[in-house]
């Protein structure tokens, strides 16, 4: 069983609904996920996506995005979940 941040529940539920369309790799740190997705996109030349929770996790995704920019991996797309504020 995998446990992600609460802000990613919508994404993980959607992936679990159609597992044949996705390869889900759970990592414990957003920066590791960003670099892993970048490496996957670089080696396969296919779209790779990573998701991070709100707050500092979004900053860690930027490091992987910059690495892809430096390596000219154009098919990499980071995705960060946001939590709606209640009034």
PDB file of N, CA and C in Angstrom:
ATOM      1  N   UNK A   1       0.841  -1.177   0.000  1.00  0.00           N
ATOM      2  CA  UNK A   1       0.000   0.000   0.000  1.00  0.00           C
ATOM      3  C   UNK A   1       0.886   1.240   0.000  1.00  0.00           C
ATOM      4  N   UNK A   2       0.481   2.248  -0.738  1.00  0.00           N
ATOM      5  CA  UNK A   2       1.245   3.480  -0.837  1.00  0.00           C
ATOM      6  C   UNK A   2       0.509   4.605  -0.134  1.00  0.00           C
ATOM      7  N   UNK A   3       1.244   5.449   0.519  1.00  0.00           N
ATOM      8  CA  UNK A   3       0.664   6.613   1.193  1.00  0.00           C
ATOM      9  C   UNK A   3       1.310   7.869   0.635  1.00  0.00           C
ATOM     10  N   UNK A   4       0.516   8.697   0.027  1.00  0.00           N
ATOM     11  CA  UNK A   4       1.003   9.967  -0.508  1.00  0.00           C
ATOM     12  C   UNK A   4       0.462  11.091   0.345  1.00  0.00           C
ATOM     13  N   UNK A   5       0.916  12.304   0.071  1.00  0.00           N
ATOM     14  CA  UNK A   5       0.375  13.462   0.761  1.00  0.00           C
ATOM     15  C   UNK A   5      -1.106  13.615   0.460  1.00  0.00           C
ATOM     16  N   UNK A   6      -1.846  14.168   1.417  1.00  0.00           N
ATOM     17  CA  UNK A   6      -3.290  14.321   1.238  1.00  0.00           C
ATOM     18  C   UNK A   6      -3.650  15.136   0.009  1.00  0.00           C
ATOM     19  N   UNK A   7      -2.809  16.075  -0.367  1.00  0.00           N
ATOM     20  CA  UNK A   7      -3.127  16.915  -1.522  1.00  0.00           C
ATOM     21  C   UNK A   7      -3.027  16.139  -2.834  1.00  0.00           C
ATOM     22  N   UNK A   8      -2.465  14.949  -2.810  1.00  0.00           N
ATOM     23  CA  UNK A   8      -2.337  14.139  -4.021  1.00  0.00           C
ATOM     24  C   UNK A   8      -3.409  13.049  -4.127  1.00  0.00           C
ATOM     25  N   UNK A   9      -4.338  13.001  -3.193  1.00  0.00           N
ATOM     26  CA  UNK A   9      -5.341  11.932  -3.191  1.00  0.00           C
ATOM     27  C   UNK A   9      -6.153  11.891  -4.475  1.00  0.00           C
ATOM     28  N   UNK A  10      -6.523  13.043  -5.020  1.00  0.00           N
ATOM     29  CA  UNK A  10      -7.281  13.065  -6.269  1.00  0.00           C
ATOM     30  C   UNK A  10      -6.510  12.472  -7.430  1.00  0.00           C
ATOM     31  N   UNK A  11      -5.224  12.773  -7.490  1.00  0.00           N
ATOM     32  CA  UNK A  11      -4.374  12.239  -8.562  1.00  0.00           C
ATOM     33  C   UNK A  11      -4.204  10.738  -8.399  1.00  0.00           C
ATOM     34  N   UNK A  12      -3.876  10.291  -7.191  1.00  0.00           N
ATOM     35  CA  UNK A  12      -3.645   8.861  -6.983  1.00  0.00           C
ATOM     36  C   UNK A  12      -4.927   8.048  -7.171  1.00  0.00           C
ATOM     37  N   UNK A  13      -6.060   8.590  -6.792  1.00  0.00           N
ATOM     38  CA  UNK A  13      -7.325   7.892  -7.010  1.00  0.00           C
ATOM     39  C   UNK A  13      -7.618   7.737  -8.496  1.00  0.00           C
ATOM     40  N   UNK A  14      -7.324   8.751  -9.290  1.00  0.00           N
ATOM     41  CA  UNK A  14      -7.536   8.683 -10.738  1.00  0.00           C
ATOM     42  C   UNK A  14      -6.614   7.654 -11.382  1.00  0.00           C
ATOM     43  N   UNK A  15      -5.383   7.586 -10.913  1.00  0.00           N
ATOM     44  CA  UNK A  15      -4.436   6.605 -11.455  1.00  0.00           C
ATOM     45  C   UNK A  15      -4.880   5.191 -11.105  1.00  0.00           C
ATOM     46  N   UNK A  16      -5.330   5.001  -9.882  1.00  0.00           N
ATOM     47  CA  UNK A  16      -5.788   3.668  -9.470  1.00  0.00           C
ATOM     48  C   UNK A  16      -7.048   3.232 -10.216  1.00  0.00           C
ATOM     49  N   UNK A  17      -7.854   4.185 -10.681  1.00  0.00           N
ATOM     50  CA  UNK A  17      -9.076   3.850 -11.406  1.00  0.00           C
ATOM     51  C   UNK A  17      -8.778   3.237 -12.772  1.00  0.00           C
ATOM     52  N   UNK A  18      -7.675   3.642 -13.390  1.00  0.00           N
ATOM     53  CA  UNK A  18      -7.288   3.118 -14.701  1.00  0.00           C
ATOM     54  C   UNK A  18      -5.814   2.733 -14.682  1.00  0.00           C
ATOM     55  N   UNK A  19      -5.449   1.677 -13.971  1.00  0.00           N
ATOM     56  CA  UNK A  19      -4.034   1.321 -13.822  1.00  0.00           C
ATOM     57  C   UNK A  19      -3.370   0.882 -15.122  1.00  0.00           C
ATOM     58  N   UNK A  20      -4.152   0.467 -16.118  1.00  0.00           N
ATOM     59  CA  UNK A  20      -3.555   0.029 -17.371  1.00  0.00           C
ATOM     60  C   UNK A  20      -2.961   1.186 -18.168  1.00  0.00           C
ATOM     61  N   UNK A  21      -3.341   2.420 -17.850  1.00  0.00           N
ATOM     62  CA  UNK A  21      -2.836   3.587 -18.575  1.00  0.00           C
ATOM     63  C   UNK A  21      -1.615   4.228 -17.929  1.00  0.00           C
ATOM     64  N   UNK A  22      -1.225   3.754 -16.738  1.00  0.00           N
ATOM     65  CA  UNK A  22      -0.174   4.423 -15.973  1.00  0.00           C
ATOM     66  C   UNK A  22       0.824   3.425 -15.408  1.00  0.00           C
ATOM     67  N   UNK A  23       2.030   3.883 -15.234  1.00  0.00           N
ATOM     68  CA  UNK A  23       3.018   3.176 -14.434  1.00  0.00           C
ATOM     69  C   UNK A  23       3.279   4.074 -13.238  1.00  0.00           C
ATOM     70  N   UNK A  24       2.846   3.655 -12.074  1.00  0.00           N
ATOM     71  CA  UNK A  24       2.941   4.469 -10.857  1.00  0.00           C
ATOM     72  C   UNK A  24       4.172   4.040 -10.072  1.00  0.00           C
ATOM     73  N   UNK A  25       5.080   4.965  -9.855  1.00  0.00           N
ATOM     74  CA  UNK A  25       6.278   4.715  -9.054  1.00  0.00           C
ATOM     75  C   UNK A  25       6.248   5.694  -7.899  1.00  0.00           C
ATOM     76  N   UNK A  26       6.128   5.170  -6.700  1.00  0.00           N
ATOM     77  CA  UNK A  26       6.037   6.022  -5.515  1.00  0.00           C
ATOM     78  C   UNK A  26       7.429   6.287  -4.950  1.00  0.00           C
ATOM     79  N   UNK A  27       7.774   7.543  -4.821  1.00  0.00           N
ATOM     80  CA  UNK A  27       9.034   7.939  -4.195  1.00  0.00           C
ATOM     81  C   UNK A  27       8.724   8.801  -2.986  1.00  0.00           C
ATOM     82  N   UNK A  28       9.601   8.825  -2.028  1.00  0.00           N
ATOM     83  CA  UNK A  28       9.347   9.538  -0.781  1.00  0.00           C
ATOM     84  C   UNK A  28       9.713  11.017  -0.823  1.00  0.00           C
ATOM     85  N   UNK A  29      10.404  11.447  -1.852  1.00  0.00           N
ATOM     86  CA  UNK A  29      10.838  12.842  -1.900  1.00  0.00           C
ATOM     87  C   UNK A  29      10.584  13.407  -3.288  1.00  0.00           C
ATOM     88  N   UNK A  30      10.048  14.620  -3.337  1.00  0.00           N
ATOM     89  CA  UNK A  30       9.693  15.241  -4.614  1.00  0.00           C
ATOM     90  C   UNK A  30      10.892  15.442  -5.527  1.00  0.00           C
ATOM     91  N   UNK A  31      12.035  15.792  -4.954  1.00  0.00           N
ATOM     92  CA  UNK A  31      13.213  16.019  -5.791  1.00  0.00           C
ATOM     93  C   UNK A  31      13.659  14.722  -6.462  1.00  0.00           C
ATOM     94  N   UNK A  32      13.624  13.621  -5.723  1.00  0.00           N
ATOM     95  CA  UNK A  32      13.958  12.322  -6.316  1.00  0.00           C
ATOM     96  C   UNK A  32      12.972  11.979  -7.430  1.00  0.00           C
ATOM     97  N   UNK A  33      11.687  12.280  -7.206  1.00  0.00           N
ATOM     98  CA  UNK A  33      10.671  12.019  -8.220  1.00  0.00           C
ATOM     99  C   UNK A  33      10.913  12.866  -9.466  1.00  0.00           C
ATOM    100  N   UNK A  34      11.290  14.115  -9.272  1.00  0.00           N
ATOM    101  CA  UNK A  34      11.533  15.003 -10.410  1.00  0.00           C
ATOM    102  C   UNK A  34      12.721  14.525 -11.241  1.00  0.00           C
ATOM    103  N   UNK A  35      13.797  14.129 -10.578  1.00  0.00           N
ATOM    104  CA  UNK A  35      14.964  13.627 -11.312  1.00  0.00           C
ATOM    105  C   UNK A  35      14.674  12.278 -11.966  1.00  0.00           C
ATOM    106  N   UNK A  36      13.901  11.418 -11.297  1.00  0.00           N
ATOM    107  CA  UNK A  36      13.551  10.120 -11.882  1.00  0.00           C
ATOM    108  C   UNK A  36      12.668  10.298 -13.113  1.00  0.00           C
ATOM    109  N   UNK A  37      11.697  11.198 -13.035  1.00  0.00           N
ATOM    110  CA  UNK A  37      10.830  11.450 -14.191  1.00  0.00           C
ATOM    111  C   UNK A  37      11.633  12.057 -15.333  1.00  0.00           C
ATOM    112  N   UNK A  38      12.560  12.940 -15.011  1.00  0.00           N
ATOM    113  CA  UNK A  38      13.410  13.520 -16.042  1.00  0.00           C
ATOM    114  C   UNK A  38      14.280  12.479 -16.720  1.00  0.00           C
ATOM    115  N   UNK A  39      14.835  11.569 -15.936  1.00  0.00           N
ATOM    116  CA  UNK A  39      15.660  10.500 -16.507  1.00  0.00           C
ATOM    117  C   UNK A  39      14.826   9.577 -17.387  1.00  0.00           C
ATOM    118  N   UNK A  40      13.614   9.259 -16.934  1.00  0.00           N
ATOM    119  CA  UNK A  40      12.709   8.423 -17.728  1.00  0.00           C
ATOM    120  C   UNK A  40      12.385   9.087 -19.063  1.00  0.00           C
ATOM    121  N   UNK A  41      12.074  10.370 -19.034  1.00  0.00           N
ATOM    122  CA  UNK A  41      11.771  11.099 -20.270  1.00  0.00           C
ATOM    123  C   UNK A  41      12.995  11.173 -21.182  1.00  0.00           C
ATOM    124  N   UNK A  42      14.151  11.353 -20.582  1.00  0.00           N
ATOM    125  CA  UNK A  42      15.393  11.459 -21.363  1.00  0.00           C
ATOM    126  C   UNK A  42      15.726  10.126 -22.043  1.00  0.00           C
ATOM    127  N   UNK A  43      15.565   9.019 -21.333  1.00  0.00           N
ATOM    128  CA  UNK A  43      15.942   7.719 -21.873  1.00  0.00           C
ATOM    129  C   UNK A  43      14.913   7.155 -22.838  1.00  0.00           C
ATOM    130  N   UNK A  44      13.634   7.389 -22.594  1.00  0.00           N
ATOM    131  CA  UNK A  44      12.590   6.803 -23.435  1.00  0.00           C
ATOM    132  C   UNK A  44      12.051   7.761 -24.488  1.00  0.00           C
ATOM    133  N   UNK A  45      12.333   9.038 -24.337  1.00  0.00           N
ATOM    134  CA  UNK A  45      11.796  10.083 -25.218  1.00  0.00           C
ATOM    135  C   UNK A  45      10.267  10.088 -25.201  1.00  0.00           C
ATOM    136  N   UNK A  46       9.699   9.722 -24.052  1.00  0.00           N
ATOM    137  CA  UNK A  46       8.256   9.747 -23.846  1.00  0.00           C
ATOM    138  C   UNK A  46       7.960  10.675 -22.681  1.00  0.00           C
ATOM    139  N   UNK A  47       6.711  11.079 -22.574  1.00  0.00           N
ATOM    140  CA  UNK A  47       6.287  11.962 -21.505  1.00  0.00           C
ATOM    141  C   UNK A  47       6.408  11.264 -20.156  1.00  0.00           C
ATOM    142  N   UNK A  48       6.998  11.937 -19.201  1.00  0.00           N
ATOM    143  CA  UNK A  48       7.063  11.461 -17.824  1.00  0.00           C
ATOM    144  C   UNK A  48       6.570  12.591 -16.933  1.00  0.00           C
ATOM    145  N   UNK A  49       5.769  12.260 -15.942  1.00  0.00           N
ATOM    146  CA  UNK A  49       5.147  13.254 -15.079  1.00  0.00           C
ATOM    147  C   UNK A  49       5.454  12.916 -13.632  1.00  0.00           C
ATOM    148  N   UNK A  50       5.712  13.941 -12.834  1.00  0.00           N
ATOM    149  CA  UNK A  50       5.864  13.730 -11.396  1.00  0.00           C
ATOM    150  C   UNK A  50       4.914  14.676 -10.682  1.00  0.00           C
ATOM    151  N   UNK A  51       4.531  14.292  -9.482  1.00  0.00           N
ATOM    152  CA  UNK A  51       3.610  15.098  -8.697  1.00  0.00           C
ATOM    153  C   UNK A  51       4.186  15.304  -7.312  1.00  0.00           C
ATOM    154  N   UNK A  52       4.006  16.482  -6.783  1.00  0.00           N
ATOM    155  CA  UNK A  52       4.490  16.793  -5.442  1.00  0.00           C
ATOM    156  C   UNK A  52       3.399  17.438  -4.628  1.00  0.00           C
ATOM    157  N   UNK A  53       3.525  17.310  -3.335  1.00  0.00           N
ATOM    158  CA  UNK A  53       2.535  17.918  -2.455  1.00  0.00           C
ATOM    159  C   UNK A  53       2.795  19.414  -2.325  1.00  0.00           C
ATOM    160  N   UNK A  54       1.854  20.109  -1.734  1.00  0.00           N
ATOM    161  CA  UNK A  54       1.944  21.566  -1.589  1.00  0.00           C
ATOM    162  C   UNK A  54       3.081  21.959  -0.657  1.00  0.00           C
ATOM    163  N   UNK A  55       3.465  23.196  -0.764  1.00  0.00           N
ATOM    164  CA  UNK A  55       4.487  23.729   0.130  1.00  0.00           C
ATOM    165  C   UNK A  55       5.883  23.521  -0.421  1.00  0.00           C
ATOM    166  N   UNK A  56       6.814  23.094   0.403  1.00  0.00           N
ATOM    167  CA  UNK A  56       8.204  22.958  -0.027  1.00  0.00           C
ATOM    168  C   UNK A  56       8.385  21.935  -1.136  1.00  0.00           C
ATOM    169  N   UNK A  57       7.457  20.990  -1.249  1.00  0.00           N
ATOM    170  CA  UNK A  57       7.573  19.990  -2.304  1.00  0.00           C
ATOM    171  C   UNK A  57       7.616  20.595  -3.692  1.00  0.00           C
ATOM    172  N   UNK A  58       6.874  21.676  -3.899  1.00  0.00           N
ATOM    173  CA  UNK A  58       6.876  22.331  -5.205  1.00  0.00           C
ATOM    174  C   UNK A  58       8.249  22.878  -5.559  1.00  0.00           C
ATOM    175  N   UNK A  59       8.966  23.386  -4.600  1.00  0.00           N
ATOM    176  CA  UNK A  59      10.301  23.911  -4.846  1.00  0.00           C
ATOM    177  C   UNK A  59      11.247  22.801  -5.277  1.00  0.00           C
ATOM    178  N   UNK A  60      11.102  21.633  -4.678  1.00  0.00           N
ATOM    179  CA  UNK A  60      11.963  20.514  -5.043  1.00  0.00           C
ATOM    180  C   UNK A  60      11.695  20.050  -6.469  1.00  0.00           C
ATOM    181  N   UNK A  61      10.478  20.201  -6.951  1.00  0.00           N
ATOM    182  CA  UNK A  61      10.182  19.839  -8.336  1.00  0.00           C
ATOM    183  C   UNK A  61      10.929  20.736  -9.313  1.00  0.00           C
ATOM    184  N   UNK A  62      11.166  21.975  -8.930  1.00  0.00           N
ATOM    185  CA  UNK A  62      11.849  22.926  -9.813  1.00  0.00           C
ATOM    186  C   UNK A  62      13.267  22.462 -10.133  1.00  0.00           C
ATOM    187  N   UNK A  63      13.937  21.844  -9.167  1.00  0.00           N
ATOM    188  CA  UNK A  63      15.292  21.351  -9.418  1.00  0.00           C
ATOM    189  C   UNK A  63      15.303  20.327 -10.551  1.00  0.00           C
ATOM    190  N   UNK A  64      14.339  19.418 -10.558  1.00  0.00           N
ATOM    191  CA  UNK A  64      14.243  18.438 -11.628  1.00  0.00           C
ATOM    192  C   UNK A  64      13.873  19.073 -12.959  1.00  0.00           C
ATOM    193  N   UNK A  65      13.002  20.066 -12.927  1.00  0.00           N
ATOM    194  CA  UNK A  65      12.628  20.773 -14.148  1.00  0.00           C
ATOM    195  C   UNK A  65      13.827  21.487 -14.745  1.00  0.00           C
ATOM    196  N   UNK A  66      14.621  22.121 -13.900  1.00  0.00           N
ATOM    197  CA  UNK A  66      15.818  22.815 -14.386  1.00  0.00           C
ATOM    198  C   UNK A  66      16.813  21.818 -14.971  1.00  0.00           C
ATOM    199  N   UNK A  67      16.961  20.659 -14.340  1.00  0.00           N
ATOM    200  CA  UNK A  67      17.859  19.635 -14.863  1.00  0.00           C
ATOM    201  C   UNK A  67      17.413  19.191 -16.258  1.00  0.00           C
ATOM    202  N   UNK A  68      16.107  19.035 -16.444  1.00  0.00           N
ATOM    203  CA  UNK A  68      15.593  18.672 -17.772  1.00  0.00           C
ATOM    204  C   UNK A  68      15.849  19.776 -18.785  1.00  0.00           C
ATOM    205  N   UNK A  69      15.717  21.010 -18.359  1.00  0.00           N
ATOM    206  CA  UNK A  69      16.004  22.137 -19.244  1.00  0.00           C
ATOM    207  C   UNK A  69      17.471  22.117 -19.677  1.00  0.00           C
ATOM    208  N   UNK A  70      18.358  21.878 -18.739  1.00  0.00           N
ATOM    209  CA  UNK A  70      19.794  21.846 -19.049  1.00  0.00           C
ATOM    210  C   UNK A  70      20.145  20.680 -19.974  1.00  0.00           C
ATOM    211  N   UNK A  71      19.422  19.560 -19.842  1.00  0.00           N
ATOM    212  CA  UNK A  71      19.687  18.386 -20.679  1.00  0.00           C
ATOM    213  C   UNK A  71      18.836  18.364 -21.942  1.00  0.00           C
ATOM    214  N   UNK A  72      18.060  19.421 -22.151  1.00  0.00           N
ATOM    215  CA  UNK A  72      17.202  19.558 -23.327  1.00  0.00           C
ATOM    216  C   UNK A  72      16.170  18.440 -23.443  1.00  0.00           C
ATOM    217  N   UNK A  73      15.611  18.064 -22.319  1.00  0.00           N
ATOM    218  CA  UNK A  73      14.515  17.089 -22.290  1.00  0.00           C
ATOM    219  C   UNK A  73      13.230  17.899 -22.313  1.00  0.00           C
ATOM    220  N   UNK A  74      12.625  17.987 -23.477  1.00  0.00           N
ATOM    221  CA  UNK A  74      11.473  18.874 -23.634  1.00  0.00           C
ATOM    222  C   UNK A  74      10.143  18.211 -23.299  1.00  0.00           C
ATOM    223  N   UNK A  75      10.099  16.929 -23.129  1.00  0.00           N
ATOM    224  CA  UNK A  75       8.827  16.250 -22.898  1.00  0.00           C
ATOM    225  C   UNK A  75       8.560  15.969 -21.429  1.00  0.00           C
ATOM    226  N   UNK A  76       9.157  16.670 -20.583  1.00  0.00           N
ATOM    227  CA  UNK A  76       9.005  16.482 -19.135  1.00  0.00           C
ATOM    228  C   UNK A  76       8.014  17.489 -18.593  1.00  0.00           C
ATOM    229  N   UNK A  77       7.078  17.047 -17.786  1.00  0.00           N
ATOM    230  CA  UNK A  77       6.052  17.949 -17.282  1.00  0.00           C
ATOM    231  C   UNK A  77       5.803  17.718 -15.795  1.00  0.00           C
ATOM    232  N   UNK A  78       6.275  18.593 -14.929  1.00  0.00           N
ATOM    233  CA  UNK A  78       5.974  18.401 -13.507  1.00  0.00           C
ATOM    234  C   UNK A  78       4.541  18.818 -13.195  1.00  0.00           C
ATOM    235  N   UNK A  79       3.954  18.161 -12.240  1.00  0.00           N
ATOM    236  CA  UNK A  79       2.592  18.475 -11.828  1.00  0.00           C
ATOM    237  C   UNK A  79       2.555  18.558 -10.318  1.00  0.00           C
ATOM    238  N   UNK A  80       2.063  19.653  -9.797  1.00  0.00           N
ATOM    239  CA  UNK A  80       1.982  19.816  -8.338  1.00  0.00           C
ATOM    240  C   UNK A  80       0.533  20.019  -7.944  1.00  0.00           C
ATOM    241  N   UNK A  81       0.099  19.313  -6.937  1.00  0.00           N
ATOM    242  CA  UNK A  81      -1.275  19.444  -6.450  1.00  0.00           C
ATOM    243  C   UNK A  81      -1.383  20.640  -5.516  1.00  0.00           C
ATOM    244  N   UNK A  82      -2.533  21.261  -5.504  1.00  0.00           N
ATOM    245  CA  UNK A  82      -2.790  22.405  -4.642  1.00  0.00           C
ATOM    246  C   UNK A  82      -3.978  22.105  -3.753  1.00  0.00           C
ATOM    247  N   UNK A  83      -3.967  22.636  -2.544  1.00  0.00           N
ATOM    248  CA  UNK A  83      -5.081  22.482  -1.623  1.00  0.00           C
ATOM    249  C   UNK A  83      -5.894  23.760  -1.645  1.00  0.00           C
ATOM    250  N   UNK A  84      -7.205  23.642  -1.821  1.00  0.00           N
ATOM    251  CA  UNK A  84      -8.069  24.821  -1.803  1.00  0.00           C
ATOM    252  C   UNK A  84      -8.236  25.335  -0.375  1.00  0.00           C
ATOM    253  N   UNK A  85      -8.159  26.611  -0.231  1.00  0.00           N
ATOM    254  CA  UNK A  85      -8.386  27.216   1.083  1.00  0.00           C
ATOM    255  C   UNK A  85      -9.881  27.364   1.320  1.00  0.00           C
ATOM    256  N   UNK A  86     -10.314  27.116   2.534  1.00  0.00           N
ATOM    257  CA  UNK A  86     -11.731  27.292   2.851  1.00  0.00           C
ATOM    258  C   UNK A  86     -11.939  28.685   3.416  1.00  0.00           C
ATOM    259  N   UNK A  87     -13.128  29.209   3.233  1.00  0.00           N
ATOM    260  CA  UNK A  87     -13.426  30.547   3.723  1.00  0.00           C
ATOM    261  C   UNK A  87     -13.911  30.492   5.138  1.00  0.00           C
TER     262      UNK A  87
END
